[in-house]
Amino acid sequence: MKNWFIGKDSDYFQDNLEGIELENCPRGGLSCKVQLALMNELLIKARKYIESKEYKAAFLLFTEAFNFSFDIKPIHCQNCTNLFRNTILNSMSLAILDLERMTHGLFAKKKYTSYLVYAKTLIEELKSQIEDEQKKNQAPIDNEEVKSEPVVEGFQTSPE
């Protein structure tokens, strides 16, 4: 019966995630201390909801944790912010894998199908938020610089 139902032996619980920890921040986590604490709290709560098969509540907490990452604004924090978002998306993906196992096969439980559809839609929406944020943060590049020569009335500055 291993892996038919979500439990301690499922993929979701093999990563031993207790929260996201900063190991090598040049600023000592000053820019994200509050958000990181909130995200970790939400991730741990989400894990407990998944253990008790309360998927809707778990995915709402994942979304809330993901949204806190957008509150971290300094440009030098973007690598960490991407790590936070990817960690949250990875946790969601592992939960989705467990939902897929529970909705397919001989002992499939159709009651989890709606959670699976919801979770897959949600993760795609969150990924599109990342893409939108990346587009927004890119500096516009002006490839069409117009180099004009100074014009003095009555004089030509370049030979014809």
Foldseek 3Di string as FASTA:
>chain_A
DPLLADACRAPLNPVVDQADDDDDDPVRCPQCPVLRVQLSVLQVVLVVCVNVPVLVSSVVSLVVSLVSLVVRDDPVCVVVSVVSNVVSLVSLVSSLVSLVSQCDDDNHDVVSVVSNVVSVVVSVVSVVVVVVVVVVPDDDDDPDDDDDDDDDPPDDPDDD
